[in-house]
Amino acid sequence: MKTAIHPKYFTDTKVTCACGNTFTTGSTLKEIRIELCNQCHPFYTGKQKFVDTARRVEKFQEKMGRVSAVAAIRKGKKVKKATAAAKRVVKKAAKKTAAEEK
């Protein structure tokens, strides 16, 4: 078995979060900097907080807004078509009854 192949293990590694929270743990690194921790992560805090540097969330929300607007327009067209069809049916029925009365 080879000797001295494992990295050095530090039992007092200092972990620093972007929110300012710090704690110590064991690791092969002496110091670790992280973006999210249990104090600021939405899963643990219950708050909706987006960490988005590439605007992915905003782009998705804009896209969904456009899709819902198109769906509303299509739905409006379907409603207009349905009411127009219903009016035609009523008109035909009225003509039919008028023709039968003569």
N, C-alpha and C. Protein backbone atom coordinates (compact mmCIF):
# COMPACT_ATOMS: atom_id res chain seq x y z
N MET A 1 0.85 -1.18 0.00
CA MET A 1 0.00 0.00 0.00
C MET A 1 0.89 1.24 0.00
N LYS A 2 0.54 2.24 -0.80
CA LYS A 2 1.34 3.45 -0.89
C LYS A 2 1.14 4.33 0.34
N THR A 3 2.17 4.99 0.74
CA THR A 3 2.08 5.92 1.88
C THR A 3 2.08 7.35 1.37
N ALA A 4 1.50 8.22 2.15
CA ALA A 4 1.46 9.67 1.89
C ALA A 4 0.79 10.03 0.55
N ILE A 5 -0.30 9.33 0.21
CA ILE A 5 -1.02 9.67 -1.02
C ILE A 5 -2.29 10.48 -0.74
N HIS A 6 -2.70 10.50 0.51
CA HIS A 6 -3.92 11.22 0.86
C HIS A 6 -3.61 12.68 1.16
N PRO A 7 -4.56 13.60 0.82
CA PRO A 7 -4.32 15.02 1.14
C PRO A 7 -4.44 15.25 2.64
N LYS A 8 -3.89 16.37 3.07
CA LYS A 8 -3.96 16.73 4.49
C LYS A 8 -5.39 17.10 4.86
N TYR A 9 -5.86 16.63 6.00
CA TYR A 9 -7.22 16.89 6.46
C TYR A 9 -7.19 17.90 7.59
N PHE A 10 -7.97 18.99 7.40
CA PHE A 10 -8.07 20.04 8.42
C PHE A 10 -9.37 19.85 9.18
N THR A 11 -9.29 19.77 10.49
CA THR A 11 -10.51 19.61 11.29
C THR A 11 -11.16 20.95 11.63
N ASP A 12 -10.46 22.05 11.38
CA ASP A 12 -10.99 23.37 11.72
C ASP A 12 -11.12 24.26 10.48
N THR A 13 -11.71 23.73 9.43
CA THR A 13 -11.92 24.50 8.20
C THR A 13 -12.99 25.56 8.44
N LYS A 14 -12.69 26.79 8.06
CA LYS A 14 -13.64 27.89 8.22
C LYS A 14 -14.42 28.05 6.92
N VAL A 15 -15.75 27.94 7.02
CA VAL A 15 -16.64 28.09 5.87
C VAL A 15 -17.33 29.44 5.98
N THR A 16 -17.23 30.28 4.93
CA THR A 16 -17.82 31.61 4.92
C THR A 16 -18.83 31.69 3.78
N CYS A 17 -20.04 32.11 4.11
CA CYS A 17 -21.11 32.24 3.12
C CYS A 17 -21.17 33.68 2.62
N ALA A 18 -21.79 33.87 1.46
CA ALA A 18 -21.96 35.21 0.89
C ALA A 18 -22.85 36.08 1.77
N CYS A 19 -23.75 35.44 2.54
CA CYS A 19 -24.64 36.22 3.40
C CYS A 19 -23.95 36.67 4.69
N GLY A 20 -22.74 36.16 4.95
CA GLY A 20 -22.00 36.57 6.14
C GLY A 20 -21.94 35.50 7.21
N ASN A 21 -22.70 34.43 7.06
CA ASN A 21 -22.69 33.34 8.03
C ASN A 21 -21.37 32.58 7.95
N THR A 22 -20.79 32.22 9.10
CA THR A 22 -19.56 31.44 9.14
C THR A 22 -19.73 30.27 10.10
N PHE A 23 -19.08 29.18 9.78
CA PHE A 23 -19.06 28.02 10.66
C PHE A 23 -17.81 27.20 10.36
N THR A 24 -17.47 26.28 11.24
CA THR A 24 -16.28 25.45 11.05
C THR A 24 -16.70 24.00 10.82
N THR A 25 -15.91 23.32 10.03
CA THR A 25 -16.15 21.92 9.70
C THR A 25 -14.83 21.27 9.35
N GLY A 26 -14.82 20.02 8.96
CA GLY A 26 -13.61 19.34 8.55
C GLY A 26 -13.56 19.21 7.04
N SER A 27 -12.38 19.44 6.47
CA SER A 27 -12.22 19.37 5.03
C SER A 27 -10.75 19.27 4.67
N THR A 28 -10.47 19.02 3.39
CA THR A 28 -9.09 19.02 2.92
C THR A 28 -8.64 20.42 2.55
N LEU A 29 -9.54 21.39 2.58
CA LEU A 29 -9.21 22.79 2.34
C LEU A 29 -9.19 23.54 3.66
N LYS A 30 -8.31 24.54 3.77
CA LYS A 30 -8.21 25.30 5.01
C LYS A 30 -9.36 26.31 5.15
N GLU A 31 -9.79 26.90 4.02
CA GLU A 31 -10.88 27.89 4.04
C GLU A 31 -11.77 27.67 2.82
N ILE A 32 -13.09 27.76 3.02
CA ILE A 32 -14.06 27.55 1.93
C ILE A 32 -15.00 28.75 1.89
N ARG A 33 -15.24 29.27 0.69
CA ARG A 33 -16.22 30.35 0.49
C ARG A 33 -17.36 29.80 -0.35
N ILE A 34 -18.61 29.98 0.13
CA ILE A 34 -19.79 29.44 -0.56
C ILE A 34 -20.79 30.57 -0.83
N GLU A 35 -21.74 30.29 -1.73
CA GLU A 35 -22.76 31.28 -2.08
C GLU A 35 -24.02 31.13 -1.24
N LEU A 36 -24.39 29.90 -0.91
CA LEU A 36 -25.61 29.63 -0.15
C LEU A 36 -25.31 28.75 1.04
N CYS A 37 -25.98 29.01 2.14
CA CYS A 37 -25.84 28.17 3.33
C CYS A 37 -27.23 27.91 3.90
N ASN A 38 -27.29 27.24 5.04
CA ASN A 38 -28.59 26.94 5.63
C ASN A 38 -29.29 28.18 6.17
N GLN A 39 -28.58 29.29 6.33
CA GLN A 39 -29.19 30.53 6.82
C GLN A 39 -29.84 31.35 5.71
N CYS A 40 -29.37 31.17 4.46
CA CYS A 40 -29.90 31.99 3.37
C CYS A 40 -30.52 31.17 2.24
N HIS A 41 -30.46 29.85 2.30
CA HIS A 41 -31.03 29.02 1.24
C HIS A 41 -32.55 29.03 1.34
N PRO A 42 -33.27 29.22 0.21
CA PRO A 42 -34.73 29.31 0.25
C PRO A 42 -35.40 28.05 0.79
N PHE A 43 -34.80 26.90 0.61
CA PHE A 43 -35.40 25.66 1.10
C PHE A 43 -35.50 25.68 2.63
N TYR A 44 -34.49 26.21 3.27
CA TYR A 44 -34.47 26.24 4.73
C TYR A 44 -35.15 27.46 5.31
N THR A 45 -35.10 28.59 4.61
CA THR A 45 -35.69 29.82 5.14
C THR A 45 -37.17 29.94 4.80
N GLY A 46 -37.62 29.28 3.74
CA GLY A 46 -39.01 29.39 3.31
C GLY A 46 -39.27 30.63 2.47
N LYS A 47 -38.25 31.39 2.15
CA LYS A 47 -38.40 32.59 1.34
C LYS A 47 -38.05 32.29 -0.11
N GLN A 48 -38.75 32.90 -1.02
CA GLN A 48 -38.46 32.76 -2.45
C GLN A 48 -37.39 33.78 -2.79
N LYS A 49 -36.19 33.31 -3.00
CA LYS A 49 -35.08 34.20 -3.31
C LYS A 49 -34.32 33.60 -4.48
N PHE A 50 -34.24 34.31 -5.58
CA PHE A 50 -33.58 33.79 -6.76
C PHE A 50 -32.13 34.25 -6.79
N VAL A 51 -31.23 33.31 -6.89
CA VAL A 51 -29.82 33.61 -7.09
C VAL A 51 -29.57 33.32 -8.56
N ASP A 52 -29.67 34.36 -9.36
CA ASP A 52 -29.67 34.18 -10.80
C ASP A 52 -28.77 35.23 -11.44
N THR A 53 -27.61 34.81 -11.90
CA THR A 53 -26.69 35.76 -12.50
C THR A 53 -26.87 35.87 -14.00
N ALA A 54 -27.50 34.89 -14.62
CA ALA A 54 -27.64 34.90 -16.08
C ALA A 54 -29.06 35.26 -16.53
N ARG A 55 -29.88 35.81 -15.64
CA ARG A 55 -31.25 36.23 -15.94
C ARG A 55 -32.12 35.07 -16.41
N ARG A 56 -31.82 33.85 -16.03
CA ARG A 56 -32.60 32.70 -16.48
C ARG A 56 -34.03 32.76 -15.97
N VAL A 57 -34.19 33.11 -14.71
CA VAL A 57 -35.53 33.15 -14.12
C VAL A 57 -36.36 34.25 -14.77
N GLU A 58 -35.78 35.44 -14.94
CA GLU A 58 -36.51 36.55 -15.56
C GLU A 58 -36.88 36.21 -17.00
N LYS A 59 -35.97 35.59 -17.74
CA LYS A 59 -36.26 35.21 -19.12
C LYS A 59 -37.41 34.21 -19.16
N PHE A 60 -37.39 33.24 -18.23
CA PHE A 60 -38.46 32.25 -18.18
C PHE A 60 -39.80 32.91 -17.86
N GLN A 61 -39.81 33.82 -16.89
CA GLN A 61 -41.05 34.50 -16.53
C GLN A 61 -41.58 35.35 -17.69
N GLU A 62 -40.68 36.02 -18.43
CA GLU A 62 -41.10 36.79 -19.60
C GLU A 62 -41.70 35.88 -20.66
N LYS A 63 -41.05 34.74 -20.89
CA LYS A 63 -41.54 33.78 -21.88
C LYS A 63 -42.92 33.27 -21.49
N MET A 64 -43.11 32.94 -20.23
CA MET A 64 -44.40 32.43 -19.78
C MET A 64 -45.47 33.52 -19.86
N GLY A 65 -45.09 34.77 -19.66
CA GLY A 65 -46.03 35.87 -19.81
C GLY A 65 -46.51 35.99 -21.24
N ARG A 66 -45.58 35.84 -22.19
CA ARG A 66 -45.96 35.89 -23.61
C ARG A 66 -46.85 34.71 -23.96
N VAL A 67 -46.53 33.54 -23.46
CA VAL A 67 -47.32 32.34 -23.76
C VAL A 67 -48.73 32.49 -23.21
N SER A 68 -48.87 33.01 -21.99
CA SER A 68 -50.19 33.17 -21.40
C SER A 68 -50.99 34.25 -22.14
N ALA A 69 -50.31 35.28 -22.63
CA ALA A 69 -51.00 36.33 -23.39
C ALA A 69 -51.53 35.75 -24.71
N VAL A 70 -50.72 34.95 -25.37
CA VAL A 70 -51.16 34.31 -26.62
C VAL A 70 -52.32 33.37 -26.34
N ALA A 71 -52.25 32.64 -25.24
CA ALA A 71 -53.33 31.72 -24.89
C ALA A 71 -54.62 32.49 -24.62
N ALA A 72 -54.51 33.64 -23.96
CA ALA A 72 -55.69 34.46 -23.68
C ALA A 72 -56.30 34.98 -24.98
N ILE A 73 -55.45 35.37 -25.92
CA ILE A 73 -55.94 35.86 -27.21
C ILE A 73 -56.65 34.73 -27.95
N ARG A 74 -56.02 33.56 -27.96
CA ARG A 74 -56.65 32.41 -28.63
C ARG A 74 -57.96 32.04 -27.98
N LYS A 75 -57.99 32.08 -26.65
CA LYS A 75 -59.21 31.75 -25.93
C LYS A 75 -60.29 32.77 -26.27
N GLY A 76 -59.92 34.05 -26.36
CA GLY A 76 -60.87 35.09 -26.73
C GLY A 76 -61.42 34.86 -28.12
N LYS A 77 -60.56 34.43 -29.05
CA LYS A 77 -61.01 34.14 -30.41
C LYS A 77 -61.97 32.97 -30.41
N LYS A 78 -61.67 31.95 -29.62
CA LYS A 78 -62.55 30.79 -29.55
C LYS A 78 -63.91 31.18 -28.99
N VAL A 79 -63.92 32.04 -28.00
CA VAL A 79 -65.19 32.48 -27.40
C VAL A 79 -65.98 33.27 -28.44
N LYS A 80 -65.29 34.15 -29.18
CA LYS A 80 -65.98 34.93 -30.20
C LYS A 80 -66.55 34.02 -31.28
N LYS A 81 -65.78 33.03 -31.70
CA LYS A 81 -66.26 32.10 -32.73
C LYS A 81 -67.46 31.31 -32.23
N ALA A 82 -67.41 30.88 -30.98
CA ALA A 82 -68.51 30.11 -30.41
C ALA A 82 -69.78 30.94 -30.33
N THR A 83 -69.67 32.21 -29.92
CA THR A 83 -70.86 33.06 -29.83
C THR A 83 -71.42 33.36 -31.22
N ALA A 84 -70.52 33.55 -32.20
CA ALA A 84 -70.98 33.78 -33.57
C ALA A 84 -71.71 32.55 -34.10
N ALA A 85 -71.18 31.37 -33.82
CA ALA A 85 -71.82 30.13 -34.28
C ALA A 85 -73.18 29.96 -33.61
N ALA A 86 -73.26 30.29 -32.33
CA ALA A 86 -74.54 30.19 -31.63
C ALA A 86 -75.56 31.15 -32.22
N LYS A 87 -75.15 32.35 -32.58
CA LYS A 87 -76.05 33.32 -33.20
C LYS A 87 -76.56 32.80 -34.54
N ARG A 88 -75.66 32.17 -35.32
CA ARG A 88 -76.08 31.61 -36.61
C ARG A 88 -77.11 30.51 -36.43
N VAL A 89 -76.90 29.68 -35.42
CA VAL A 89 -77.86 28.60 -35.17
C VAL A 89 -79.22 29.18 -34.80
N VAL A 90 -79.23 30.20 -33.97
CA VAL A 90 -80.49 30.84 -33.56
C VAL A 90 -81.16 31.47 -34.77
N LYS A 91 -80.37 32.11 -35.63
CA LYS A 91 -80.91 32.76 -36.83
C LYS A 91 -81.53 31.73 -37.77
N LYS A 92 -80.84 30.59 -37.96
CA LYS A 92 -81.36 29.53 -38.83
C LYS A 92 -82.67 28.99 -38.28
N ALA A 93 -82.71 28.79 -36.95
CA ALA A 93 -83.93 28.26 -36.33
C ALA A 93 -85.08 29.24 -36.51
N ALA A 94 -84.79 30.55 -36.40
CA ALA A 94 -85.83 31.55 -36.56
C ALA A 94 -86.35 31.56 -38.00
N LYS A 95 -85.43 31.43 -38.98
CA LYS A 95 -85.85 31.38 -40.39
C LYS A 95 -86.68 30.15 -40.66
N LYS A 96 -86.28 29.03 -40.07
CA LYS A 96 -86.99 27.77 -40.27
C LYS A 96 -88.41 27.85 -39.73
N THR A 97 -88.58 28.42 -38.55
CA THR A 97 -89.93 28.54 -37.96
C THR A 97 -90.77 29.54 -38.76
N ALA A 98 -90.10 30.59 -39.28
CA ALA A 98 -90.84 31.57 -40.10
C ALA A 98 -91.29 30.91 -41.40
N ALA A 99 -90.48 30.07 -41.98
CA ALA A 99 -90.85 29.38 -43.23
C ALA A 99 -91.96 28.37 -42.98
N GLU A 100 -91.96 27.73 -41.84
CA GLU A 100 -93.00 26.74 -41.53
C GLU A 100 -94.34 27.43 -41.26
N GLU A 101 -94.34 28.64 -40.76
CA GLU A 101 -95.57 29.37 -40.47
C GLU A 101 -96.26 29.81 -41.75
N LYS A 102 -95.51 30.01 -42.84
CA LYS A 102 -96.11 30.49 -44.08
C LYS A 102 -96.82 29.44 -44.78
